């Protein structure tokens, strides 16, 4: 079955079940906020490198972390108690994404965060759909993560650290935050041993889409849930 080519004048996607075995579903289209939101809400995400066509994916199985299944190691809990780092929410989305762009993705030598992607996700951030958690040490950004949130589903995109354990600390506070919001799942997209060690696991795409459909329709506790704030001090 040929890969579906997306038109630029319509925001449509084929059903995720039509994806190739690799997970590739479609090519083309654009990275407008409207298309990105529709893609994520339907279990589809963009992934491509500079110079390649825009490619859209829906993997089967899918790596998912249910917030209540998060595993924090004893060493991480000890580190949290020491309050070595400060963690913030939405203090510097652009810089977190910039740092993440220098981190190669799993099974990919170069960065997948192109200039076009950075501009698109900054727009999503301004619209209230993309968020970052930052880890600071001596007022210097040393780690963080970012992703997209729709309803009570969070789609993790990338994380970075320039100091040992900094991204783990950001992740710990991120999970606590979405637990408070009653989030249904964190979409981690593809399997890595690191994600598995945190409690993420693979589920069938059909199960993932069923859970996702309910999550994206769920309302947050209040409008201030994603407001700029300090998570620890």
N, C-alpha and C. Protein backbone atom coordinates (compact mmCIF):
# COMPACT_ATOMS: atom_id res chain seq x y z
N UNK A 1 0.85 -1.19 0.00
CA UNK A 1 0.00 0.00 0.00
C UNK A 1 0.88 1.25 0.00
N UNK A 2 0.69 2.17 -0.96
CA UNK A 2 1.53 3.38 -1.02
C UNK A 2 1.28 4.29 0.18
N UNK A 3 2.33 5.01 0.57
CA UNK A 3 2.20 5.96 1.68
C UNK A 3 1.31 7.12 1.22
N UNK A 4 0.39 7.53 2.07
CA UNK A 4 -0.56 8.59 1.75
C UNK A 4 0.17 9.92 1.68
N UNK A 5 -0.12 10.73 0.64
CA UNK A 5 0.47 12.06 0.51
C UNK A 5 -0.56 13.09 0.95
N UNK A 6 -0.19 13.88 1.94
CA UNK A 6 -1.13 14.84 2.51
C UNK A 6 -1.24 16.09 1.64
N UNK A 7 -2.46 16.57 1.43
CA UNK A 7 -2.62 17.85 0.72
C UNK A 7 -2.34 19.01 1.67
N UNK A 8 -1.92 20.13 1.13
CA UNK A 8 -1.66 21.31 1.97
C UNK A 8 -2.91 22.13 2.20
N UNK A 9 -3.93 21.93 1.35
CA UNK A 9 -5.13 22.75 1.47
C UNK A 9 -6.20 22.11 2.35
N UNK A 10 -5.93 20.89 2.88
CA UNK A 10 -6.87 20.22 3.77
C UNK A 10 -6.11 19.59 4.92
N UNK A 11 -6.67 19.70 6.13
CA UNK A 11 -6.02 19.08 7.29
C UNK A 11 -6.69 17.74 7.53
N UNK A 12 -6.18 16.73 6.87
CA UNK A 12 -6.71 15.37 6.99
C UNK A 12 -5.56 14.38 7.13
N UNK A 13 -5.86 13.25 7.75
CA UNK A 13 -4.91 12.14 7.87
C UNK A 13 -5.62 10.83 7.60
N UNK A 14 -4.93 9.86 7.03
CA UNK A 14 -5.51 8.52 6.95
C UNK A 14 -5.57 7.91 8.35
N UNK A 15 -6.37 6.87 8.53
CA UNK A 15 -6.44 6.22 9.84
C UNK A 15 -5.09 5.60 10.18
N UNK A 16 -4.66 5.69 11.44
CA UNK A 16 -3.36 5.14 11.84
C UNK A 16 -3.17 3.66 11.49
N UNK A 17 -4.25 2.91 11.43
CA UNK A 17 -4.14 1.48 11.12
C UNK A 17 -3.62 1.24 9.70
N UNK A 18 -3.61 2.27 8.87
CA UNK A 18 -3.13 2.14 7.49
C UNK A 18 -1.62 2.37 7.37
N UNK A 19 -0.96 2.59 8.48
CA UNK A 19 0.48 2.82 8.46
C UNK A 19 1.23 1.57 8.00
N UNK A 20 2.40 1.79 7.42
CA UNK A 20 3.27 0.67 7.06
C UNK A 20 3.76 -0.04 8.31
N UNK A 21 4.37 -1.19 8.13
CA UNK A 21 4.90 -1.94 9.29
C UNK A 21 5.89 -1.11 10.09
N UNK A 22 6.63 -0.25 9.41
CA UNK A 22 7.61 0.62 10.08
C UNK A 22 6.94 1.69 10.93
N UNK A 23 5.66 1.94 10.64
CA UNK A 23 4.94 3.00 11.34
C UNK A 23 4.71 4.23 10.48
N UNK A 24 5.36 4.30 9.32
CA UNK A 24 5.19 5.45 8.43
C UNK A 24 3.77 5.45 7.86
N UNK A 25 3.09 6.57 8.03
CA UNK A 25 1.69 6.68 7.62
C UNK A 25 1.50 7.61 6.43
N UNK A 26 2.18 8.75 6.43
CA UNK A 26 1.95 9.74 5.39
C UNK A 26 3.15 10.65 5.23
N UNK A 27 3.20 11.36 4.11
CA UNK A 27 4.22 12.36 3.87
C UNK A 27 3.54 13.65 3.42
N UNK A 28 4.25 14.76 3.57
CA UNK A 28 3.74 16.03 3.06
C UNK A 28 2.96 16.82 4.09
N UNK A 29 2.13 17.71 3.59
CA UNK A 29 1.38 18.59 4.48
C UNK A 29 2.27 19.71 4.99
N UNK A 30 2.04 20.11 6.22
CA UNK A 30 2.81 21.19 6.83
C UNK A 30 2.78 21.04 8.35
N UNK A 31 3.39 22.00 9.04
CA UNK A 31 3.46 21.93 10.50
C UNK A 31 2.67 23.07 11.14
N UNK A 32 1.53 23.39 10.58
CA UNK A 32 0.68 24.40 11.20
C UNK A 32 0.16 23.86 12.53
N UNK A 33 -0.15 24.75 13.47
CA UNK A 33 -0.69 24.29 14.76
C UNK A 33 -1.93 23.41 14.59
N UNK A 34 -2.80 23.77 13.66
CA UNK A 34 -4.03 23.00 13.46
C UNK A 34 -3.73 21.57 13.02
N UNK A 35 -2.76 21.41 12.13
CA UNK A 35 -2.42 20.05 11.65
C UNK A 35 -1.72 19.25 12.75
N UNK A 36 -0.82 19.91 13.48
CA UNK A 36 -0.12 19.20 14.56
C UNK A 36 -1.10 18.73 15.64
N UNK A 37 -2.02 19.59 16.03
CA UNK A 37 -2.99 19.22 17.07
C UNK A 37 -3.86 18.06 16.60
N UNK A 38 -4.30 18.11 15.35
CA UNK A 38 -5.12 17.02 14.81
C UNK A 38 -4.32 15.72 14.78
N UNK A 39 -3.05 15.81 14.39
CA UNK A 39 -2.20 14.63 14.32
C UNK A 39 -2.05 13.99 15.70
N UNK A 40 -1.62 14.77 16.68
CA UNK A 40 -1.41 14.22 18.02
C UNK A 40 -2.70 13.64 18.59
N UNK A 41 -3.80 14.32 18.39
CA UNK A 41 -5.07 13.85 18.94
C UNK A 41 -5.51 12.53 18.33
N UNK A 42 -4.91 12.19 17.19
CA UNK A 42 -5.24 10.93 16.52
C UNK A 42 -4.10 9.92 16.53
N UNK A 43 -3.13 10.14 17.41
CA UNK A 43 -2.05 9.16 17.57
C UNK A 43 -1.00 9.20 16.48
N UNK A 44 -0.81 10.36 15.88
CA UNK A 44 0.13 10.52 14.76
C UNK A 44 1.14 11.61 15.13
N UNK A 45 2.39 11.43 14.76
CA UNK A 45 3.40 12.46 15.07
C UNK A 45 4.37 12.63 13.91
N UNK A 46 4.95 13.83 13.76
CA UNK A 46 5.94 14.07 12.70
C UNK A 46 7.33 13.65 13.15
N UNK A 47 8.10 13.13 12.20
CA UNK A 47 9.49 12.74 12.50
C UNK A 47 10.25 12.65 11.19
N UNK A 48 11.21 13.52 11.03
CA UNK A 48 12.00 13.52 9.80
C UNK A 48 13.27 14.32 10.07
N UNK A 49 14.24 14.21 9.17
CA UNK A 49 15.49 14.95 9.32
C UNK A 49 15.56 16.06 8.28
N UNK A 50 16.48 16.99 8.53
CA UNK A 50 16.66 18.09 7.59
C UNK A 50 16.94 17.55 6.20
N UNK A 51 16.25 18.08 5.18
CA UNK A 51 16.46 17.62 3.80
C UNK A 51 15.53 16.50 3.39
N UNK A 52 14.83 15.89 4.34
CA UNK A 52 13.86 14.84 4.03
C UNK A 52 12.47 15.44 3.91
N UNK A 53 11.55 14.74 3.23
CA UNK A 53 10.17 15.22 3.22
C UNK A 53 9.56 15.10 4.61
N UNK A 54 8.55 15.90 4.87
CA UNK A 54 7.83 15.83 6.14
C UNK A 54 7.13 14.49 6.24
N UNK A 55 7.46 13.70 7.26
CA UNK A 55 6.90 12.35 7.41
C UNK A 55 6.09 12.24 8.71
N UNK A 56 4.99 11.50 8.64
CA UNK A 56 4.07 11.33 9.76
C UNK A 56 3.98 9.85 10.12
N UNK A 57 3.99 9.55 11.43
CA UNK A 57 4.13 8.18 11.89
C UNK A 57 3.04 7.80 12.90
N UNK A 58 2.73 6.52 12.92
CA UNK A 58 1.88 5.94 13.97
C UNK A 58 2.39 4.53 14.22
N UNK A 59 3.11 4.37 15.31
CA UNK A 59 3.82 3.12 15.58
C UNK A 59 2.90 2.07 16.22
N UNK A 60 3.21 0.82 15.95
CA UNK A 60 2.50 -0.31 16.55
C UNK A 60 3.51 -1.42 16.82
N UNK A 61 3.79 -1.74 18.10
CA UNK A 61 3.14 -1.21 19.31
C UNK A 61 3.64 0.20 19.65
N UNK A 62 3.03 0.78 20.67
CA UNK A 62 3.34 2.16 21.08
C UNK A 62 3.88 2.15 22.49
N UNK A 63 4.93 2.94 22.74
CA UNK A 63 5.50 3.04 24.08
C UNK A 63 4.72 4.09 24.87
N UNK A 64 4.17 3.67 26.00
CA UNK A 64 3.31 4.54 26.80
C UNK A 64 3.71 4.44 28.27
N UNK A 65 3.66 5.57 28.96
CA UNK A 65 3.86 5.57 30.40
C UNK A 65 2.56 6.03 31.06
N UNK A 66 1.97 5.16 31.84
CA UNK A 66 0.81 5.56 32.63
C UNK A 66 1.35 6.18 33.92
N UNK A 67 0.94 7.40 34.23
CA UNK A 67 1.56 8.14 35.34
C UNK A 67 1.66 7.36 36.65
N UNK A 68 0.64 6.56 36.95
CA UNK A 68 0.66 5.80 38.21
C UNK A 68 1.69 4.67 38.19
N UNK A 69 2.23 4.34 37.01
CA UNK A 69 3.21 3.26 36.89
C UNK A 69 4.64 3.78 36.85
N UNK A 70 4.82 5.09 37.02
CA UNK A 70 6.16 5.68 37.02
C UNK A 70 7.00 5.08 38.13
N UNK A 71 8.23 4.70 37.81
CA UNK A 71 9.16 4.11 38.77
C UNK A 71 10.29 5.08 39.06
N UNK A 72 10.33 5.57 40.27
CA UNK A 72 11.44 6.45 40.69
C UNK A 72 12.41 5.62 41.52
N UNK A 73 13.64 5.56 41.10
CA UNK A 73 14.65 4.77 41.82
C UNK A 73 14.92 5.39 43.19
N UNK A 74 15.50 4.61 44.08
CA UNK A 74 15.85 5.11 45.41
C UNK A 74 16.84 6.27 45.31
N UNK A 75 17.78 6.14 44.38
CA UNK A 75 18.78 7.20 44.23
C UNK A 75 18.14 8.49 43.76
N UNK A 76 17.13 8.38 42.88
CA UNK A 76 16.44 9.58 42.41
C UNK A 76 15.64 10.21 43.55
N UNK A 77 14.99 9.40 44.34
CA UNK A 77 14.21 9.94 45.47
C UNK A 77 15.13 10.64 46.48
N UNK A 78 16.31 10.05 46.70
CA UNK A 78 17.28 10.69 47.60
C UNK A 78 17.72 12.04 47.05
N UNK A 79 17.95 12.07 45.73
CA UNK A 79 18.36 13.30 45.09
C UNK A 79 17.28 14.38 45.20
N UNK A 80 16.04 14.00 45.03
CA UNK A 80 14.92 14.94 45.14
C UNK A 80 14.88 15.53 46.55
N UNK A 81 15.09 14.68 47.56
CA UNK A 81 15.04 15.15 48.95
C UNK A 81 16.16 16.15 49.25
N UNK A 82 17.29 16.00 48.57
CA UNK A 82 18.42 16.92 48.78
C UNK A 82 18.16 18.30 48.21
N UNK A 83 17.18 18.39 47.29
CA UNK A 83 16.83 19.68 46.68
C UNK A 83 18.05 20.36 46.05
N UNK A 84 18.82 19.56 45.36
CA UNK A 84 20.03 20.06 44.70
C UNK A 84 19.69 21.00 43.54
N UNK A 85 18.58 20.70 42.86
CA UNK A 85 18.17 21.46 41.68
C UNK A 85 16.88 22.22 41.94
N UNK A 86 16.66 23.23 41.13
CA UNK A 86 15.37 23.91 41.09
C UNK A 86 14.69 23.51 39.79
N UNK A 87 13.39 23.25 39.84
CA UNK A 87 12.64 22.85 38.65
C UNK A 87 11.50 23.82 38.41
N UNK A 88 11.35 24.23 37.15
CA UNK A 88 10.30 25.16 36.78
C UNK A 88 9.48 24.61 35.62
N UNK A 89 8.31 25.21 35.44
CA UNK A 89 7.41 24.83 34.35
C UNK A 89 7.21 26.04 33.44
N UNK A 90 7.50 25.84 32.16
CA UNK A 90 7.26 26.86 31.13
C UNK A 90 8.03 28.16 31.37
N UNK A 91 9.21 28.06 31.96
CA UNK A 91 10.04 29.24 32.16
C UNK A 91 10.84 29.59 30.90
N UNK A 92 11.29 28.57 30.16
CA UNK A 92 12.10 28.85 28.97
C UNK A 92 11.96 27.72 27.95
N UNK A 93 10.80 27.66 27.33
CA UNK A 93 10.51 26.61 26.35
C UNK A 93 11.51 26.63 25.21
N UNK A 94 11.78 27.80 24.66
CA UNK A 94 12.65 27.91 23.49
C UNK A 94 14.05 27.36 23.77
N UNK A 95 14.59 27.67 24.95
CA UNK A 95 15.95 27.21 25.26
C UNK A 95 15.98 25.71 25.50
N UNK A 96 14.94 25.17 26.12
CA UNK A 96 14.87 23.71 26.30
C UNK A 96 14.85 23.02 24.95
N UNK A 97 14.02 23.50 24.05
CA UNK A 97 13.94 22.88 22.73
C UNK A 97 15.25 23.02 21.97
N UNK A 98 15.90 24.15 22.12
CA UNK A 98 17.19 24.36 21.47
C UNK A 98 18.23 23.36 21.97
N UNK A 99 18.27 23.13 23.29
CA UNK A 99 19.19 22.14 23.85
C UNK A 99 18.84 20.74 23.35
N UNK A 100 17.55 20.44 23.31
CA UNK A 100 17.12 19.11 22.85
C UNK A 100 17.49 18.87 21.38
N UNK A 101 17.57 19.94 20.61
CA UNK A 101 17.87 19.77 19.18
C UNK A 101 19.28 19.24 18.95
N UNK A 102 20.12 19.33 19.96
CA UNK A 102 21.49 18.82 19.83
C UNK A 102 21.61 17.37 20.30
N UNK A 103 20.48 16.78 20.73
CA UNK A 103 20.48 15.40 21.21
C UNK A 103 19.94 14.49 20.11
N UNK A 104 20.77 13.57 19.55
CA UNK A 104 20.27 12.67 18.51
C UNK A 104 19.15 11.78 19.05
N UNK A 105 18.15 11.51 18.23
CA UNK A 105 17.06 10.64 18.64
C UNK A 105 17.50 9.19 18.52
N UNK A 106 16.80 8.31 19.24
CA UNK A 106 17.10 6.87 19.23
C UNK A 106 17.16 6.35 17.80
N UNK A 107 18.25 5.64 17.45
CA UNK A 107 18.46 5.06 16.13
C UNK A 107 18.59 6.12 15.02
N UNK A 108 18.99 7.33 15.37
CA UNK A 108 19.13 8.40 14.39
C UNK A 108 20.37 9.21 14.74
N UNK A 109 21.29 9.34 13.80
CA UNK A 109 22.57 9.97 14.09
C UNK A 109 22.46 11.49 14.24
N UNK A 110 21.64 12.12 13.39
CA UNK A 110 21.55 13.58 13.47
C UNK A 110 20.28 13.98 14.21
N UNK A 111 20.12 15.28 14.42
CA UNK A 111 18.94 15.75 15.13
C UNK A 111 17.70 15.65 14.24
N UNK A 112 16.56 15.45 14.86
CA UNK A 112 15.29 15.43 14.13
C UNK A 112 14.54 16.74 14.35
N UNK A 113 15.08 17.59 15.23
CA UNK A 113 14.41 18.86 15.51
C UNK A 113 14.96 19.91 14.55
N UNK A 114 14.33 20.02 13.41
CA UNK A 114 14.75 20.95 12.38
C UNK A 114 14.35 22.37 12.75
N UNK A 115 14.85 23.33 12.00
CA UNK A 115 14.48 24.73 12.22
C UNK A 115 12.96 24.90 12.06
N UNK A 116 12.39 24.21 11.07
CA UNK A 116 10.95 24.27 10.84
C UNK A 116 10.17 23.72 12.04
N UNK A 117 10.69 22.63 12.60
CA UNK A 117 10.05 22.03 13.78
C UNK A 117 10.11 23.00 14.96
N UNK A 118 11.25 23.64 15.15
CA UNK A 118 11.39 24.54 16.28
C UNK A 118 10.38 25.69 16.19
N UNK A 119 10.24 26.25 15.00
CA UNK A 119 9.29 27.34 14.82
C UNK A 119 7.85 26.88 15.07
N UNK A 120 7.53 25.67 14.60
CA UNK A 120 6.18 25.13 14.75
C UNK A 120 5.82 24.89 16.21
N UNK A 121 6.76 24.32 16.98
CA UNK A 121 6.45 24.00 18.37
C UNK A 121 6.48 25.23 19.27
N UNK A 122 7.24 26.24 18.88
CA UNK A 122 7.18 27.51 19.61
C UNK A 122 5.79 28.13 19.45
N UNK A 123 5.21 27.98 18.26
CA UNK A 123 3.83 28.46 18.05
C UNK A 123 2.87 27.69 18.94
N UNK A 124 3.05 26.36 19.00
CA UNK A 124 2.19 25.55 19.87
C UNK A 124 2.32 25.98 21.32
N UNK A 125 3.54 26.32 21.72
CA UNK A 125 3.76 26.79 23.09
C UNK A 125 3.01 28.09 23.35
N UNK A 126 3.10 29.01 22.42
CA UNK A 126 2.40 30.29 22.59
C UNK A 126 0.88 30.09 22.63
N UNK A 127 0.40 29.06 21.97
CA UNK A 127 -1.04 28.77 21.96
C UNK A 127 -1.49 27.95 23.17
N UNK A 128 -0.52 27.53 24.00
CA UNK A 128 -0.86 26.79 25.21
C UNK A 128 -0.92 25.28 25.06
N UNK A 129 -0.34 24.74 23.97
CA UNK A 129 -0.38 23.29 23.76
C UNK A 129 0.97 22.61 24.03
N UNK A 130 2.05 23.33 23.92
CA UNK A 130 3.38 22.74 24.14
C UNK A 130 3.98 23.33 25.41
N UNK A 131 4.65 22.46 26.19
CA UNK A 131 5.12 22.86 27.52
C UNK A 131 6.52 22.31 27.80
N UNK A 132 7.21 22.99 28.69
CA UNK A 132 8.55 22.54 29.07
C UNK A 132 8.71 22.54 30.58
N UNK A 133 9.54 21.63 31.04
CA UNK A 133 9.99 21.61 32.44
C UNK A 133 11.49 21.82 32.40
N UNK A 134 11.96 22.74 33.24
CA UNK A 134 13.37 23.10 33.24
C UNK A 134 14.03 22.76 34.58
N UNK A 135 15.26 22.28 34.52
CA UNK A 135 16.05 22.03 35.72
C UNK A 135 17.19 23.04 35.77
N UNK A 136 17.34 23.68 36.93
CA UNK A 136 18.34 24.73 37.09
C UNK A 136 19.32 24.37 38.22
N UNK A 137 20.57 24.77 38.02
CA UNK A 137 21.58 24.62 39.07
C UNK A 137 22.40 25.91 39.09
N UNK A 138 22.39 26.59 40.23
CA UNK A 138 23.07 27.89 40.34
C UNK A 138 22.58 28.85 39.24
N UNK A 139 21.26 28.86 39.05
CA UNK A 139 20.61 29.74 38.07
C UNK A 139 21.00 29.46 36.63
N UNK A 140 21.54 28.28 36.37
CA UNK A 140 21.90 27.90 35.00
C UNK A 140 21.03 26.72 34.57
N UNK A 141 20.51 26.78 33.36
CA UNK A 141 19.69 25.68 32.83
C UNK A 141 20.58 24.48 32.53
N UNK A 142 20.32 23.36 33.22
CA UNK A 142 21.18 22.18 33.07
C UNK A 142 20.40 20.94 32.62
N UNK A 143 19.10 21.06 32.44
CA UNK A 143 18.31 19.92 31.98
C UNK A 143 16.87 20.31 31.76
N UNK A 144 16.13 19.43 31.10
CA UNK A 144 14.73 19.71 30.90
C UNK A 144 14.09 18.78 29.89
N UNK A 145 12.82 19.00 29.67
CA UNK A 145 12.05 18.21 28.71
C UNK A 145 10.92 19.07 28.16
N UNK A 146 10.40 18.65 27.02
CA UNK A 146 9.24 19.35 26.47
C UNK A 146 8.35 18.37 25.73
N UNK A 147 7.10 18.78 25.53
CA UNK A 147 6.16 17.95 24.81
C UNK A 147 4.87 18.71 24.56
N UNK A 148 3.89 17.99 24.06
CA UNK A 148 2.59 18.56 23.68
C UNK A 148 1.51 17.99 24.57
N UNK A 149 0.57 18.82 24.98
CA UNK A 149 -0.53 18.37 25.84
C UNK A 149 -1.87 18.70 25.19
N UNK A 150 -2.73 17.70 25.10
CA UNK A 150 -4.10 17.89 24.63
C UNK A 150 -5.01 17.17 25.61
N UNK A 151 -5.92 17.90 26.23
CA UNK A 151 -6.77 17.29 27.25
C UNK A 151 -5.93 16.73 28.37
N UNK A 152 -6.10 15.44 28.65
CA UNK A 152 -5.30 14.78 29.69
C UNK A 152 -4.36 13.74 29.08
N UNK A 153 -3.84 14.07 27.91
CA UNK A 153 -2.79 13.26 27.27
C UNK A 153 -1.57 14.15 27.08
N UNK A 154 -0.39 13.61 27.39
CA UNK A 154 0.85 14.34 27.17
C UNK A 154 1.71 13.55 26.21
N UNK A 155 2.22 14.23 25.20
CA UNK A 155 3.03 13.59 24.16
C UNK A 155 4.47 14.05 24.34
N UNK A 156 5.28 13.21 24.94
CA UNK A 156 6.66 13.57 25.21
C UNK A 156 7.46 13.64 23.92
N UNK A 157 8.24 14.70 23.76
CA UNK A 157 9.02 14.87 22.55
C UNK A 157 10.52 14.65 22.77
N UNK A 158 11.10 15.33 23.73
CA UNK A 158 12.55 15.16 23.94
C UNK A 158 12.95 15.70 25.30
N UNK A 159 14.12 15.27 25.75
CA UNK A 159 14.69 15.79 26.99
C UNK A 159 16.20 15.90 26.82
N UNK A 160 16.84 16.69 27.69
CA UNK A 160 18.29 16.85 27.61
C UNK A 160 18.84 17.06 29.01
N UNK A 161 20.14 16.89 29.15
CA UNK A 161 20.82 17.28 30.39
C UNK A 161 22.26 17.62 30.07
N UNK A 162 22.78 18.60 30.77
CA UNK A 162 24.21 18.92 30.68
C UNK A 162 24.88 18.64 32.02
N UNK A 163 24.08 18.17 32.97
CA UNK A 163 24.57 17.83 34.30
C UNK A 163 23.89 16.54 34.72
N UNK A 164 24.62 15.64 35.30
CA UNK A 164 24.11 14.33 35.66
C UNK A 164 22.81 14.42 36.46
N UNK A 165 21.83 13.64 36.05
CA UNK A 165 20.53 13.50 36.72
C UNK A 165 19.58 14.68 36.52
N UNK A 166 20.01 15.72 35.82
CA UNK A 166 19.16 16.91 35.69
C UNK A 166 17.85 16.61 34.94
N UNK A 167 17.90 15.81 33.88
CA UNK A 167 16.67 15.51 33.15
C UNK A 167 15.77 14.58 33.96
N UNK A 168 16.37 13.69 34.75
CA UNK A 168 15.57 12.78 35.60
C UNK A 168 14.78 13.57 36.64
N UNK A 169 15.41 14.60 37.19
CA UNK A 169 14.73 15.43 38.18
C UNK A 169 13.57 16.19 37.53
N UNK A 170 13.79 16.70 36.32
CA UNK A 170 12.71 17.37 35.60
C UNK A 170 11.57 16.40 35.34
N UNK A 171 11.91 15.18 34.96
CA UNK A 171 10.89 14.17 34.66
C UNK A 171 10.09 13.82 35.91
N UNK A 172 10.76 13.71 37.04
CA UNK A 172 10.09 13.40 38.31
C UNK A 172 9.03 14.45 38.63
N UNK A 173 9.38 15.72 38.49
CA UNK A 173 8.43 16.78 38.80
C UNK A 173 7.33 16.87 37.73
N UNK A 174 7.69 16.58 36.49
CA UNK A 174 6.70 16.53 35.42
C UNK A 174 5.64 15.48 35.72
N UNK A 175 6.07 14.28 36.11
CA UNK A 175 5.12 13.21 36.41
C UNK A 175 4.23 13.59 37.60
N UNK A 176 4.81 14.15 38.62
CA UNK A 176 4.00 14.59 39.77
C UNK A 176 2.95 15.62 39.36
N UNK A 177 3.34 16.50 38.46
CA UNK A 177 2.41 17.55 38.01
C UNK A 177 1.23 16.94 37.26
N UNK A 178 1.51 16.06 36.31
CA UNK A 178 0.39 15.51 35.53
C UNK A 178 -0.43 14.51 36.35
N UNK A 179 0.17 13.91 37.36
CA UNK A 179 -0.62 13.07 38.28
C UNK A 179 -1.68 13.92 38.96
N UNK A 180 -1.28 15.10 39.41
CA UNK A 180 -2.22 16.02 40.06
C UNK A 180 -3.36 16.39 39.11
N UNK A 181 -3.06 16.44 37.83
CA UNK A 181 -4.07 16.79 36.84
C UNK A 181 -4.91 15.62 36.38
N UNK A 182 -4.60 14.41 36.89
CA UNK A 182 -5.37 13.23 36.50
C UNK A 182 -5.14 12.79 35.08
N UNK A 183 -3.93 12.99 34.58
CA UNK A 183 -3.64 12.62 33.20
C UNK A 183 -3.74 11.11 33.00
N UNK A 184 -4.19 10.73 31.80
CA UNK A 184 -4.39 9.31 31.49
C UNK A 184 -3.09 8.62 31.06
N UNK A 185 -2.27 9.34 30.30
CA UNK A 185 -1.07 8.70 29.76
C UNK A 185 -0.05 9.72 29.29
N UNK A 186 1.20 9.23 29.20
CA UNK A 186 2.27 9.95 28.53
C UNK A 186 2.66 9.12 27.32
N UNK A 187 2.54 9.68 26.15
CA UNK A 187 2.93 8.99 24.92
C UNK A 187 4.43 9.14 24.75
N UNK A 188 5.15 8.04 24.84
CA UNK A 188 6.60 8.06 24.69
C UNK A 188 7.02 7.60 23.29
N UNK A 189 6.06 7.24 22.48
CA UNK A 189 6.24 6.89 21.07
C UNK A 189 6.97 5.58 20.85
N UNK A 190 8.27 5.52 21.09
CA UNK A 190 9.02 4.31 20.76
C UNK A 190 9.83 3.80 21.97
N UNK A 191 10.12 2.51 21.93
CA UNK A 191 10.78 1.86 23.06
C UNK A 191 12.24 2.28 23.19
N UNK A 192 12.64 2.58 24.42
CA UNK A 192 14.05 2.69 24.79
C UNK A 192 14.19 2.05 26.16
N UNK A 193 15.37 1.55 26.45
CA UNK A 193 15.60 0.94 27.77
C UNK A 193 15.43 1.95 28.90
N UNK A 194 15.81 3.21 28.62
CA UNK A 194 15.67 4.25 29.65
C UNK A 194 14.21 4.47 30.00
N UNK A 195 13.35 4.56 29.00
CA UNK A 195 11.92 4.75 29.26
C UNK A 195 11.33 3.55 29.98
N UNK A 196 11.78 2.37 29.59
CA UNK A 196 11.28 1.15 30.25
C UNK A 196 11.67 1.15 31.72
N UNK A 197 12.86 1.65 32.03
CA UNK A 197 13.30 1.68 33.43
C UNK A 197 12.47 2.64 34.27
N UNK A 198 11.80 3.58 33.61
CA UNK A 198 10.95 4.54 34.31
C UNK A 198 9.51 4.05 34.46
N UNK A 199 9.23 2.90 33.85
CA UNK A 199 7.89 2.33 33.98
C UNK A 199 7.08 2.32 32.70
N UNK A 200 7.62 2.86 31.62
CA UNK A 200 6.89 2.87 30.35
C UNK A 200 6.85 1.46 29.77
N UNK A 201 5.81 1.17 28.99
CA UNK A 201 5.68 -0.15 28.38
C UNK A 201 4.98 -0.05 27.03
N UNK A 202 5.17 -1.09 26.24
CA UNK A 202 4.57 -1.14 24.91
C UNK A 202 3.14 -1.66 24.98
N UNK A 203 2.24 -1.01 24.26
CA UNK A 203 0.87 -1.51 24.14
C UNK A 203 0.47 -1.50 22.67
N UNK A 204 -0.51 -2.30 22.31
CA UNK A 204 -0.98 -2.34 20.93
C UNK A 204 -1.54 -0.98 20.52
N UNK A 205 -1.37 -0.66 19.26
CA UNK A 205 -1.87 0.63 18.77
C UNK A 205 -3.37 0.77 18.99
N UNK A 206 -4.12 -0.30 18.78
CA UNK A 206 -5.57 -0.23 18.95
C UNK A 206 -5.94 0.15 20.38
N UNK A 207 -5.22 -0.42 21.36
CA UNK A 207 -5.47 -0.08 22.76
C UNK A 207 -5.06 1.36 23.03
N UNK A 208 -3.92 1.75 22.48
CA UNK A 208 -3.43 3.12 22.64
C UNK A 208 -4.45 4.13 22.11
N UNK A 209 -4.97 3.89 20.93
CA UNK A 209 -5.92 4.83 20.32
C UNK A 209 -7.21 4.93 21.13
N UNK A 210 -7.62 3.82 21.72
CA UNK A 210 -8.83 3.82 22.54
C UNK A 210 -8.63 4.67 23.79
N UNK A 211 -7.48 4.51 24.45
CA UNK A 211 -7.18 5.30 25.65
C UNK A 211 -7.00 6.77 25.28
N UNK A 212 -6.32 6.99 24.16
CA UNK A 212 -6.03 8.36 23.71
C UNK A 212 -7.32 9.14 23.43
N UNK A 213 -8.27 8.49 22.77
CA UNK A 213 -9.52 9.16 22.41
C UNK A 213 -10.23 9.72 23.64
N UNK A 214 -10.20 8.98 24.74
CA UNK A 214 -10.83 9.45 25.98
C UNK A 214 -9.99 10.55 26.63
N UNK A 215 -8.68 10.39 26.55
CA UNK A 215 -7.78 11.35 27.22
C UNK A 215 -7.87 12.74 26.60
N UNK A 216 -7.88 12.81 25.27
CA UNK A 216 -7.86 14.14 24.63
C UNK A 216 -9.20 14.87 24.79
N UNK A 217 -10.25 14.13 25.13
CA UNK A 217 -11.56 14.75 25.35
C UNK A 217 -11.77 15.15 26.80
N UNK A 218 -10.83 14.78 27.67
CA UNK A 218 -10.96 15.08 29.10
C UNK A 218 -10.51 16.50 29.41
N UNK A 219 -11.20 17.13 30.34
CA UNK A 219 -10.87 18.51 30.69
C UNK A 219 -9.90 18.57 31.86
N UNK A 220 -9.02 19.57 31.82
CA UNK A 220 -8.06 19.78 32.90
C UNK A 220 -8.78 20.32 34.14
N UNK A 221 -8.16 20.17 35.32
CA UNK A 221 -8.79 20.64 36.57
C UNK A 221 -9.15 22.12 36.53
N UNK A 222 -8.27 22.94 35.97
CA UNK A 222 -8.57 24.37 35.84
C UNK A 222 -7.68 24.97 34.76
N UNK A 223 -8.00 26.18 34.35
CA UNK A 223 -7.29 26.83 33.24
C UNK A 223 -5.85 27.18 33.58
N UNK A 224 -5.53 27.22 34.86
CA UNK A 224 -4.17 27.62 35.26
C UNK A 224 -3.22 26.43 35.38
N UNK A 225 -3.66 25.26 34.98
CA UNK A 225 -2.84 24.05 35.18
C UNK A 225 -1.45 24.18 34.56
N UNK A 226 -1.37 24.77 33.37
CA UNK A 226 -0.09 24.89 32.69
C UNK A 226 0.54 26.27 32.85
N UNK A 227 0.13 27.01 33.85
CA UNK A 227 0.70 28.35 34.03
C UNK A 227 2.19 28.25 34.38
N UNK A 228 2.93 29.28 34.06
CA UNK A 228 4.35 29.37 34.38
C UNK A 228 4.52 29.35 35.90
N UNK A 229 5.34 28.42 36.40
CA UNK A 229 5.45 28.27 37.86
C UNK A 229 6.74 27.56 38.26
N UNK A 230 7.06 27.70 39.55
CA UNK A 230 8.18 26.95 40.14
C UNK A 230 7.62 25.64 40.69
N UNK A 231 8.26 24.54 40.33
CA UNK A 231 7.82 23.23 40.83
C UNK A 231 8.59 22.84 42.08
N UNK A 232 9.79 23.37 42.23
CA UNK A 232 10.60 23.09 43.41
C UNK A 232 11.54 24.26 43.62
N UNK A 233 12.09 24.34 44.80
CA UNK A 233 13.00 25.46 45.11
C UNK A 233 14.02 25.05 46.15
